[in-house]
Amino acid sequence: MIRDLDDKKTTRGRSHSILMENRQKVSITGVQDVDSFDEATVLLVTDMGYITLHGVDLHISKLNLEEGQLIVEGEIIALQYSDADYAGGKGSGLLSRLFR
């Protein structure tokens, strides 16, 4: 389920950084939540908006939401920032589309 970024704006304040090593490992700080993940895609909410990681054989090796830290390993193909409208926005989940 996609989170509403307006709700997250009140909790902003942590620093945000991304460190990628050889396209095999990415460390991200300022992570507020992981909305979804599988071996090809990780969708997460950070202090700076949504980030979508695309890749092959992705797995989360560390997740600490209290400290806002996430480490994903695998073959990273793309890293993309987006806002709530692009990511689907509130109410655009499968159930909302089914019950229109």
PDB file of N, CA and C in Angstrom:
ATOM      1  N   MET A   1       0.838  -1.172   0.000  1.00  0.00           N
ATOM      2  CA  MET A   1       0.000   0.000   0.000  1.00  0.00           C
ATOM      3  C   MET A   1       0.886   1.240   0.000  1.00  0.00           C
ATOM      4  N   ILE A   2       0.595   2.194  -0.841  1.00  0.00           N
ATOM      5  CA  ILE A   2       1.366   3.423  -0.967  1.00  0.00           C
ATOM      6  C   ILE A   2       0.975   4.378   0.160  1.00  0.00           C
ATOM      7  N   ARG A   3       1.958   4.944   0.807  1.00  0.00           N
ATOM      8  CA  ARG A   3       1.721   5.885   1.900  1.00  0.00           C
ATOM      9  C   ARG A   3       1.508   7.283   1.334  1.00  0.00           C
ATOM     10  N   ASP A   4       0.768   8.115   2.055  1.00  0.00           N
ATOM     11  CA  ASP A   4       0.535   9.491   1.664  1.00  0.00           C
ATOM     12  C   ASP A   4       1.710  10.338   2.154  1.00  0.00           C
ATOM     13  N   LEU A   5       2.398  10.997   1.221  1.00  0.00           N
ATOM     14  CA  LEU A   5       3.571  11.793   1.586  1.00  0.00           C
ATOM     15  C   LEU A   5       3.209  12.969   2.481  1.00  0.00           C
ATOM     16  N   ASP A   6       1.976  13.487   2.382  1.00  0.00           N
ATOM     17  CA  ASP A   6       1.593  14.599   3.255  1.00  0.00           C
ATOM     18  C   ASP A   6       1.660  14.191   4.718  1.00  0.00           C
ATOM     19  N   ASP A   7       1.308  12.944   5.029  1.00  0.00           N
ATOM     20  CA  ASP A   7       1.410  12.456   6.400  1.00  0.00           C
ATOM     21  C   ASP A   7       2.855  12.360   6.846  1.00  0.00           C
ATOM     22  N   LYS A   8       3.774  12.074   5.916  1.00  0.00           N
ATOM     23  CA  LYS A   8       5.178  11.884   6.251  1.00  0.00           C
ATOM     24  C   LYS A   8       5.925  13.211   6.411  1.00  0.00           C
ATOM     25  N   LYS A   9       5.400  14.321   5.855  1.00  0.00           N
ATOM     26  CA  LYS A   9       6.100  15.599   5.914  1.00  0.00           C
ATOM     27  C   LYS A   9       6.308  16.076   7.344  1.00  0.00           C
ATOM     28  N   THR A  10       5.413  15.716   8.234  1.00  0.00           N
ATOM     29  CA  THR A  10       5.541  16.170   9.620  1.00  0.00           C
ATOM     30  C   THR A  10       6.682  15.474  10.346  1.00  0.00           C
ATOM     31  N   THR A  11       7.146  14.326   9.828  1.00  0.00           N
ATOM     32  CA  THR A  11       8.210  13.593  10.499  1.00  0.00           C
ATOM     33  C   THR A  11       9.567  13.796   9.836  1.00  0.00           C
ATOM     34  N   ARG A  12       9.647  14.671   8.844  1.00  0.00           N
ATOM     35  CA  ARG A  12      10.925  14.907   8.180  1.00  0.00           C
ATOM     36  C   ARG A  12      11.904  15.577   9.128  1.00  0.00           C
ATOM     37  N   GLY A  13      13.180  15.445   8.832  1.00  0.00           N
ATOM     38  CA  GLY A  13      14.175  16.075   9.661  1.00  0.00           C
ATOM     39  C   GLY A  13      15.452  15.268   9.703  1.00  0.00           C
ATOM     40  N   ARG A  14      15.365  13.959   9.485  1.00  0.00           N
ATOM     41  CA  ARG A  14      16.580  13.152   9.433  1.00  0.00           C
ATOM     42  C   ARG A  14      17.304  13.430   8.130  1.00  0.00           C
ATOM     43  N   SER A  15      18.618  13.270   8.161  1.00  0.00           N
ATOM     44  CA  SER A  15      19.368  13.451   6.925  1.00  0.00           C
ATOM     45  C   SER A  15      19.115  12.266   6.008  1.00  0.00           C
ATOM     46  N   HIS A  16      19.385  12.477   4.733  1.00  0.00           N
ATOM     47  CA  HIS A  16      19.112  11.461   3.726  1.00  0.00           C
ATOM     48  C   HIS A  16      20.360  11.294   2.869  1.00  0.00           C
ATOM     49  N   SER A  17      20.769  10.047   2.665  1.00  0.00           N
ATOM     50  CA  SER A  17      21.907   9.795   1.783  1.00  0.00           C
ATOM     51  C   SER A  17      21.755   8.447   1.099  1.00  0.00           C
ATOM     52  N   ILE A  18      22.431   8.324  -0.042  1.00  0.00           N
ATOM     53  CA  ILE A  18      22.464   7.074  -0.799  1.00  0.00           C
ATOM     54  C   ILE A  18      23.912   6.784  -1.144  1.00  0.00           C
ATOM     55  N   LEU A  19      24.351   5.569  -0.832  1.00  0.00           N
ATOM     56  CA  LEU A  19      25.702   5.133  -1.176  1.00  0.00           C
ATOM     57  C   LEU A  19      25.585   3.813  -1.931  1.00  0.00           C
ATOM     58  N   MET A  20      26.017   3.815  -3.193  1.00  0.00           N
ATOM     59  CA  MET A  20      25.952   2.606  -3.995  1.00  0.00           C
ATOM     60  C   MET A  20      27.368   2.099  -4.241  1.00  0.00           C
ATOM     61  N   GLU A  21      27.557   0.802  -4.043  1.00  0.00           N
ATOM     62  CA  GLU A  21      28.857   0.176  -4.235  1.00  0.00           C
ATOM     63  C   GLU A  21      28.785  -0.815  -5.389  1.00  0.00           C
ATOM     64  N   ASN A  22      29.457  -0.482  -6.502  1.00  0.00           N
ATOM     65  CA  ASN A  22      29.590  -1.382  -7.651  1.00  0.00           C
ATOM     66  C   ASN A  22      28.266  -1.920  -8.172  1.00  0.00           C
ATOM     67  N   ARG A  23      27.195  -1.161  -8.033  1.00  0.00           N
ATOM     68  CA  ARG A  23      25.859  -1.564  -8.476  1.00  0.00           C
ATOM     69  C   ARG A  23      25.420  -2.900  -7.872  1.00  0.00           C
ATOM     70  N   GLN A  24      26.044  -3.316  -6.775  1.00  0.00           N
ATOM     71  CA  GLN A  24      25.703  -4.572  -6.115  1.00  0.00           C
ATOM     72  C   GLN A  24      25.125  -4.357  -4.719  1.00  0.00           C
ATOM     73  N   LYS A  25      25.328  -3.176  -4.159  1.00  0.00           N
ATOM     74  CA  LYS A  25      24.884  -2.907  -2.798  1.00  0.00           C
ATOM     75  C   LYS A  25      24.565  -1.423  -2.685  1.00  0.00           C
ATOM     76  N   VAL A  26      23.415  -1.109  -2.105  1.00  0.00           N
ATOM     77  CA  VAL A  26      23.051   0.287  -1.888  1.00  0.00           C
ATOM     78  C   VAL A  26      22.639   0.457  -0.431  1.00  0.00           C
ATOM     79  N   SER A  27      23.200   1.496   0.198  1.00  0.00           N
ATOM     80  CA  SER A  27      22.859   1.866   1.576  1.00  0.00           C
ATOM     81  C   SER A  27      22.113   3.187   1.523  1.00  0.00           C
ATOM     82  N   ILE A  28      20.945   3.230   2.138  1.00  0.00           N
ATOM     83  CA  ILE A  28      20.114   4.430   2.109  1.00  0.00           C
ATOM     84  C   ILE A  28      19.774   4.809   3.543  1.00  0.00           C
ATOM     85  N   THR A  29      19.933   6.083   3.873  1.00  0.00           N
ATOM     86  CA  THR A  29      19.522   6.593   5.181  1.00  0.00           C
ATOM     87  C   THR A  29      18.343   7.534   4.986  1.00  0.00           C
ATOM     88  N   GLY A  30      17.631   7.797   6.064  1.00  0.00           N
ATOM     89  CA  GLY A  30      16.438   8.630   5.993  1.00  0.00           C
ATOM     90  C   GLY A  30      15.215   7.828   5.568  1.00  0.00           C
ATOM     91  N   VAL A  31      15.273   6.508   5.701  1.00  0.00           N
ATOM     92  CA  VAL A  31      14.168   5.636   5.304  1.00  0.00           C
ATOM     93  C   VAL A  31      13.097   5.645   6.392  1.00  0.00           C
ATOM     94  N   GLN A  32      11.867   5.899   5.983  1.00  0.00           N
ATOM     95  CA  GLN A  32      10.752   5.893   6.916  1.00  0.00           C
ATOM     96  C   GLN A  32       9.969   4.586   6.870  1.00  0.00           C
ATOM     97  N   ASP A  33       9.880   3.968   5.685  1.00  0.00           N
ATOM     98  CA  ASP A  33       9.088   2.750   5.553  1.00  0.00           C
ATOM     99  C   ASP A  33       9.435   2.050   4.243  1.00  0.00           C
ATOM    100  N   VAL A  34       9.194   0.753   4.184  1.00  0.00           N
ATOM    101  CA  VAL A  34       9.301  -0.021   2.951  1.00  0.00           C
ATOM    102  C   VAL A  34       7.878  -0.406   2.577  1.00  0.00           C
ATOM    103  N   ASP A  35       7.376   0.132   1.455  1.00  0.00           N
ATOM    104  CA  ASP A  35       6.000  -0.139   1.053  1.00  0.00           C
ATOM    105  C   ASP A  35       5.850  -1.510   0.418  1.00  0.00           C
ATOM    106  N   SER A  36       6.818  -1.909  -0.414  1.00  0.00           N
ATOM    107  CA  SER A  36       6.753  -3.226  -1.037  1.00  0.00           C
ATOM    108  C   SER A  36       8.136  -3.627  -1.501  1.00  0.00           C
ATOM    109  N   PHE A  37       8.320  -4.937  -1.660  1.00  0.00           N
ATOM    110  CA  PHE A  37       9.591  -5.419  -2.178  1.00  0.00           C
ATOM    111  C   PHE A  37       9.419  -6.821  -2.737  1.00  0.00           C
ATOM    112  N   ASP A  38      10.225  -7.122  -3.729  1.00  0.00           N
ATOM    113  CA  ASP A  38      10.371  -8.474  -4.255  1.00  0.00           C
ATOM    114  C   ASP A  38      11.770  -8.547  -4.871  1.00  0.00           C
ATOM    115  N   GLU A  39      12.070  -9.590  -5.605  1.00  0.00           N
ATOM    116  CA  GLU A  39      13.419  -9.759  -6.144  1.00  0.00           C
ATOM    117  C   GLU A  39      13.757  -8.755  -7.239  1.00  0.00           C
ATOM    118  N   ALA A  40      12.744  -8.076  -7.798  1.00  0.00           N
ATOM    119  CA  ALA A  40      12.986  -7.148  -8.901  1.00  0.00           C
ATOM    120  C   ALA A  40      12.800  -5.683  -8.517  1.00  0.00           C
ATOM    121  N   THR A  41      12.034  -5.394  -7.457  1.00  0.00           N
ATOM    122  CA  THR A  41      11.700  -4.014  -7.126  1.00  0.00           C
ATOM    123  C   THR A  41      11.593  -3.831  -5.620  1.00  0.00           C
ATOM    124  N   VAL A  42      12.123  -2.708  -5.142  1.00  0.00           N
ATOM    125  CA  VAL A  42      11.945  -2.306  -3.743  1.00  0.00           C
ATOM    126  C   VAL A  42      11.398  -0.885  -3.775  1.00  0.00           C
ATOM    127  N   LEU A  43      10.229  -0.660  -3.174  1.00  0.00           N
ATOM    128  CA  LEU A  43       9.615   0.660  -3.098  1.00  0.00           C
ATOM    129  C   LEU A  43       9.656   1.115  -1.654  1.00  0.00           C
ATOM    130  N   LEU A  44      10.313   2.249  -1.411  1.00  0.00           N
ATOM    131  CA  LEU A  44      10.442   2.729  -0.040  1.00  0.00           C
ATOM    132  C   LEU A  44      10.149   4.209   0.067  1.00  0.00           C
ATOM    133  N   VAL A  45       9.807   4.619   1.273  1.00  0.00           N
ATOM    134  CA  VAL A  45       9.517   6.019   1.583  1.00  0.00           C
ATOM    135  C   VAL A  45      10.701   6.559   2.368  1.00  0.00           C
ATOM    136  N   THR A  46      11.253   7.694   1.891  1.00  0.00           N
ATOM    137  CA  THR A  46      12.342   8.348   2.605  1.00  0.00           C
ATOM    138  C   THR A  46      11.895   9.745   3.021  1.00  0.00           C
ATOM    139  N   ASP A  47      12.770  10.424   3.720  1.00  0.00           N
ATOM    140  CA  ASP A  47      12.496  11.800   4.113  1.00  0.00           C
ATOM    141  C   ASP A  47      12.378  12.722   2.907  1.00  0.00           C
ATOM    142  N   MET A  48      12.907  12.305   1.750  1.00  0.00           N
ATOM    143  CA  MET A  48      12.900  13.133   0.543  1.00  0.00           C
ATOM    144  C   MET A  48      11.894  12.647  -0.500  1.00  0.00           C
ATOM    145  N   GLY A  49      11.049  11.682  -0.191  1.00  0.00           N
ATOM    146  CA  GLY A  49      10.052  11.171  -1.130  1.00  0.00           C
ATOM    147  C   GLY A  49      10.212   9.675  -1.330  1.00  0.00           C
ATOM    148  N   TYR A  50       9.537   9.164  -2.334  1.00  0.00           N
ATOM    149  CA  TYR A  50       9.616   7.740  -2.640  1.00  0.00           C
ATOM    150  C   TYR A  50      10.871   7.431  -3.441  1.00  0.00           C
ATOM    151  N   ILE A  51      11.428   6.249  -3.210  1.00  0.00           N
ATOM    152  CA  ILE A  51      12.525   5.734  -4.024  1.00  0.00           C
ATOM    153  C   ILE A  51      12.128   4.338  -4.469  1.00  0.00           C
ATOM    154  N   THR A  52      12.315   4.075  -5.757  1.00  0.00           N
ATOM    155  CA  THR A  52      12.092   2.740  -6.289  1.00  0.00           C
ATOM    156  C   THR A  52      13.428   2.216  -6.783  1.00  0.00           C
ATOM    157  N   LEU A  53      13.816   1.057  -6.275  1.00  0.00           N
ATOM    158  CA  LEU A  53      15.016   0.369  -6.734  1.00  0.00           C
ATOM    159  C   LEU A  53      14.579  -0.753  -7.663  1.00  0.00           C
ATOM    160  N   HIS A  54      15.187  -0.824  -8.845  1.00  0.00           N
ATOM    161  CA  HIS A  54      14.922  -1.895  -9.794  1.00  0.00           C
ATOM    162  C   HIS A  54      16.192  -2.715  -9.921  1.00  0.00           C
ATOM    163  N   GLY A  55      16.047  -4.022 -10.022  1.00  0.00           N
ATOM    164  CA  GLY A  55      17.221  -4.856 -10.153  1.00  0.00           C
ATOM    165  C   GLY A  55      16.890  -6.320 -10.329  1.00  0.00           C
ATOM    166  N   VAL A  56      17.905  -7.149 -10.108  1.00  0.00           N
ATOM    167  CA  VAL A  56      17.792  -8.598 -10.239  1.00  0.00           C
ATOM    168  C   VAL A  56      18.295  -9.215  -8.937  1.00  0.00           C
ATOM    169  N   ASP A  57      17.564 -10.185  -8.428  1.00  0.00           N
ATOM    170  CA  ASP A  57      17.926 -10.884  -7.185  1.00  0.00           C
ATOM    171  C   ASP A  57      18.147  -9.923  -6.023  1.00  0.00           C
ATOM    172  N   LEU A  58      17.278  -8.919  -5.894  1.00  0.00           N
ATOM    173  CA  LEU A  58      17.398  -7.949  -4.800  1.00  0.00           C
ATOM    174  C   LEU A  58      16.940  -8.583  -3.498  1.00  0.00           C
ATOM    175  N   HIS A  59      17.657  -8.296  -2.440  1.00  0.00           N
ATOM    176  CA  HIS A  59      17.228  -8.702  -1.108  1.00  0.00           C
ATOM    177  C   HIS A  59      17.658  -7.644  -0.100  1.00  0.00           C
ATOM    178  N   ILE A  60      16.835  -7.478   0.913  1.00  0.00           N
ATOM    179  CA  ILE A  60      17.113  -6.508   1.967  1.00  0.00           C
ATOM    180  C   ILE A  60      17.991  -7.190   2.997  1.00  0.00           C
ATOM    181  N   SER A  61      19.224  -6.709   3.133  1.00  0.00           N
ATOM    182  CA  SER A  61      20.127  -7.323   4.102  1.00  0.00           C
ATOM    183  C   SER A  61      20.092  -6.607   5.452  1.00  0.00           C
ATOM    184  N   LYS A  62      19.618  -5.356   5.476  1.00  0.00           N
ATOM    185  CA  LYS A  62      19.474  -4.644   6.743  1.00  0.00           C
ATOM    186  C   LYS A  62      18.337  -3.648   6.618  1.00  0.00           C
ATOM    187  N   LEU A  63      17.478  -3.623   7.639  1.00  0.00           N
ATOM    188  CA  LEU A  63      16.415  -2.634   7.719  1.00  0.00           C
ATOM    189  C   LEU A  63      16.256  -2.238   9.173  1.00  0.00           C
ATOM    190  N   ASN A  64      16.488  -0.963   9.463  1.00  0.00           N
ATOM    191  CA  ASN A  64      16.323  -0.422  10.803  1.00  0.00           C
ATOM    192  C   ASN A  64      15.542   0.880  10.667  1.00  0.00           C
ATOM    193  N   LEU A  65      14.228   0.801  10.842  1.00  0.00           N
ATOM    194  CA  LEU A  65      13.382   1.986  10.668  1.00  0.00           C
ATOM    195  C   LEU A  65      13.558   2.999  11.784  1.00  0.00           C
ATOM    196  N   GLU A  66      13.961   2.550  12.972  1.00  0.00           N
ATOM    197  CA  GLU A  66      14.200   3.493  14.064  1.00  0.00           C
ATOM    198  C   GLU A  66      15.339   4.442  13.721  1.00  0.00           C
ATOM    199  N   GLU A  67      16.387   3.908  13.077  1.00  0.00           N
ATOM    200  CA  GLU A  67      17.527   4.728  12.660  1.00  0.00           C
ATOM    201  C   GLU A  67      17.404   5.175  11.211  1.00  0.00           C
ATOM    202  N   GLY A  68      16.400   4.672  10.487  1.00  0.00           N
ATOM    203  CA  GLY A  68      16.182   5.074   9.101  1.00  0.00           C
ATOM    204  C   GLY A  68      17.191   4.484   8.136  1.00  0.00           C
ATOM    205  N   GLN A  69      17.710   3.293   8.403  1.00  0.00           N
ATOM    206  CA  GLN A  69      18.746   2.693   7.567  1.00  0.00           C
ATOM    207  C   GLN A  69      18.218   1.489   6.807  1.00  0.00           C
ATOM    208  N   LEU A  70      18.647   1.382   5.546  1.00  0.00           N
ATOM    209  CA  LEU A  70      18.283   0.252   4.700  1.00  0.00           C
ATOM    210  C   LEU A  70      19.485  -0.120   3.845  1.00  0.00           C
ATOM    211  N   ILE A  71      19.758  -1.414   3.734  1.00  0.00           N
ATOM    212  CA  ILE A  71      20.792  -1.915   2.827  1.00  0.00           C
ATOM    213  C   ILE A  71      20.148  -2.969   1.942  1.00  0.00           C
ATOM    214  N   VAL A  72      20.280  -2.786   0.632  1.00  0.00           N
ATOM    215  CA  VAL A  72      19.751  -3.730  -0.350  1.00  0.00           C
ATOM    216  C   VAL A  72      20.920  -4.248  -1.160  1.00  0.00           C
ATOM    217  N   GLU A  73      20.967  -5.568  -1.352  1.00  0.00           N
ATOM    218  CA  GLU A  73      22.022  -6.182  -2.148  1.00  0.00           C
ATOM    219  C   GLU A  73      21.406  -6.919  -3.324  1.00  0.00           C
ATOM    220  N   GLY A  74      22.164  -7.046  -4.394  1.00  0.00           N
ATOM    221  CA  GLY A  74      21.730  -7.681  -5.631  1.00  0.00           C
ATOM    222  C   GLY A  74      22.259  -6.869  -6.799  1.00  0.00           C
ATOM    223  N   GLU A  75      21.819  -7.190  -8.004  1.00  0.00           N
ATOM    224  CA  GLU A  75      22.238  -6.417  -9.179  1.00  0.00           C
ATOM    225  C   GLU A  75      21.286  -5.245  -9.354  1.00  0.00           C
ATOM    226  N   ILE A  76      21.769  -4.031  -9.091  1.00  0.00           N
ATOM    227  CA  ILE A  76      20.931  -2.837  -9.127  1.00  0.00           C
ATOM    228  C   ILE A  76      20.969  -2.255 -10.539  1.00  0.00           C
ATOM    229  N   ILE A  77      19.793  -2.141 -11.136  1.00  0.00           N
ATOM    230  CA  ILE A  77      19.671  -1.633 -12.501  1.00  0.00           C
ATOM    231  C   ILE A  77      19.322  -0.150 -12.503  1.00  0.00           C
ATOM    232  N   ALA A  78      18.438   0.269 -11.594  1.00  0.00           N
ATOM    233  CA  ALA A  78      18.004   1.669 -11.578  1.00  0.00           C
ATOM    234  C   ALA A  78      17.562   2.064 -10.180  1.00  0.00           C
ATOM    235  N   LEU A  79      17.698   3.358  -9.895  1.00  0.00           N
ATOM    236  CA  LEU A  79      17.226   3.967  -8.666  1.00  0.00           C
ATOM    237  C   LEU A  79      16.455   5.202  -9.091  1.00  0.00           C
ATOM    238  N   GLN A  80      15.211   5.301  -8.653  1.00  0.00           N
ATOM    239  CA  GLN A  80      14.348   6.370  -9.144  1.00  0.00           C
ATOM    240  C   GLN A  80      13.602   7.038  -8.001  1.00  0.00           C
ATOM    241  N   TYR A  81      13.670   8.373  -7.949  1.00  0.00           N
ATOM    242  CA  TYR A  81      12.860   9.153  -7.017  1.00  0.00           C
ATOM    243  C   TYR A  81      11.504   9.406  -7.658  1.00  0.00           C
ATOM    244  N   SER A  82      10.464   9.506  -6.832  1.00  0.00           N
ATOM    245  CA  SER A  82       9.149   9.881  -7.335  1.00  0.00           C
ATOM    246  C   SER A  82       8.337  10.492  -6.204  1.00  0.00           C
ATOM    247  N   ASP A  83       7.224  11.135  -6.585  1.00  0.00           N
ATOM    248  CA  ASP A  83       6.336  11.691  -5.575  1.00  0.00           C
ATOM    249  C   ASP A  83       5.115  10.787  -5.446  1.00  0.00           C
ATOM    250  N   ALA A  84       4.174  11.152  -4.605  1.00  0.00           N
ATOM    251  CA  ALA A  84       3.008  10.295  -4.331  1.00  0.00           C
ATOM    252  C   ALA A  84       2.169  10.069  -5.575  1.00  0.00           C
ATOM    253  N   ASP A  85       2.009  11.091  -6.436  1.00  0.00           N
ATOM    254  CA  ASP A  85       1.183  10.940  -7.631  1.00  0.00           C
ATOM    255  C   ASP A  85       1.777   9.908  -8.579  1.00  0.00           C
ATOM    256  N   TYR A  86       3.098   9.953  -8.781  1.00  0.00           N
ATOM    257  CA  TYR A  86       3.742   9.018  -9.693  1.00  0.00           C
ATOM    258  C   TYR A  86       3.721   7.603  -9.140  1.00  0.00           C
ATOM    259  N   ALA A  87       3.929   7.453  -7.851  1.00  0.00           N
ATOM    260  CA  ALA A  87       4.010   6.129  -7.232  1.00  0.00           C
ATOM    261  C   ALA A  87       2.649   5.471  -7.088  1.00  0.00           C
ATOM    262  N   GLY A  88       1.602   6.185  -7.388  1.00  0.00           N
ATOM    263  CA  GLY A  88       0.277   5.584  -7.291  1.00  0.00           C
ATOM    264  C   GLY A  88      -0.649   6.408  -6.427  1.00  0.00           C
ATOM    265  N   GLY A  89      -0.086   7.098  -5.457  1.00  0.00           N
ATOM    266  CA  GLY A  89      -0.875   7.972  -4.606  1.00  0.00           C
ATOM    267  C   GLY A  89      -1.838   7.228  -3.706  1.00  0.00           C
ATOM    268  N   LYS A  90      -2.425   7.954  -2.793  1.00  0.00           N
ATOM    269  CA  LYS A  90      -3.352   7.365  -1.826  1.00  0.00           C
ATOM    270  C   LYS A  90      -4.603   6.877  -2.546  1.00  0.00           C
ATOM    271  N   GLY A  91      -5.033   5.683  -2.190  1.00  0.00           N
ATOM    272  CA  GLY A  91      -6.264   5.156  -2.746  1.00  0.00           C
ATOM    273  C   GLY A  91      -6.124   4.540  -4.117  1.00  0.00           C
ATOM    274  N   SER A  92      -4.934   4.296  -4.589  1.00  0.00           N
ATOM    275  CA  SER A  92      -4.781   3.727  -5.922  1.00  0.00           C
ATOM    276  C   SER A  92      -4.383   2.253  -5.868  1.00  0.00           C
ATOM    277  N   GLY A  93      -4.573   1.613  -4.723  1.00  0.00           N
ATOM    278  CA  GLY A  93      -4.244   0.218  -4.586  1.00  0.00           C
ATOM    279  C   GLY A  93      -5.211  -0.679  -5.347  1.00  0.00           C
ATOM    280  N   LEU A  94      -4.913  -1.941  -5.346  1.00  0.00           N
ATOM    281  CA  LEU A  94      -5.725  -2.909  -6.081  1.00  0.00           C
ATOM    282  C   LEU A  94      -7.183  -2.890  -5.626  1.00  0.00           C
ATOM    283  N   LEU A  95      -7.419  -2.880  -4.317  1.00  0.00           N
ATOM    284  CA  LEU A  95      -8.798  -2.895  -3.825  1.00  0.00           C
ATOM    285  C   LEU A  95      -9.565  -1.644  -4.231  1.00  0.00           C
ATOM    286  N   SER A  96      -8.928  -0.470  -4.212  1.00  0.00           N
ATOM    287  CA  SER A  96      -9.616   0.755  -4.624  1.00  0.00           C
ATOM    288  C   SER A  96     -10.019   0.691  -6.084  1.00  0.00           C
ATOM    289  N   ARG A  97      -9.143   0.114  -6.913  1.00  0.00           N
ATOM    290  CA  ARG A  97      -9.472   0.015  -8.334  1.00  0.00           C
ATOM    291  C   ARG A  97     -10.584  -1.005  -8.567  1.00  0.00           C
ATOM    292  N   LEU A  98     -10.639  -2.067  -7.779  1.00  0.00           N
ATOM    293  CA  LEU A  98     -11.669  -3.086  -7.935  1.00  0.00           C
ATOM    294  C   LEU A  98     -13.042  -2.568  -7.543  1.00  0.00           C
ATOM    295  N   PHE A  99     -13.115  -1.703  -6.532  1.00  0.00           N
ATOM    296  CA  PHE A  99     -14.393  -1.264  -6.001  1.00  0.00           C
ATOM    297  C   PHE A  99     -14.789   0.135  -6.460  1.00  0.00           C
ATOM    298  N   ARG A 100     -14.354   0.545  -7.644  1.00  0.00           N
ATOM    299  CA  ARG A 100     -14.774   1.858  -8.195  1.00  0.00           C
ATOM    300  C   ARG A 100     -16.160   1.783  -8.713  1.00  0.00           C
TER     301      ARG A 100
END
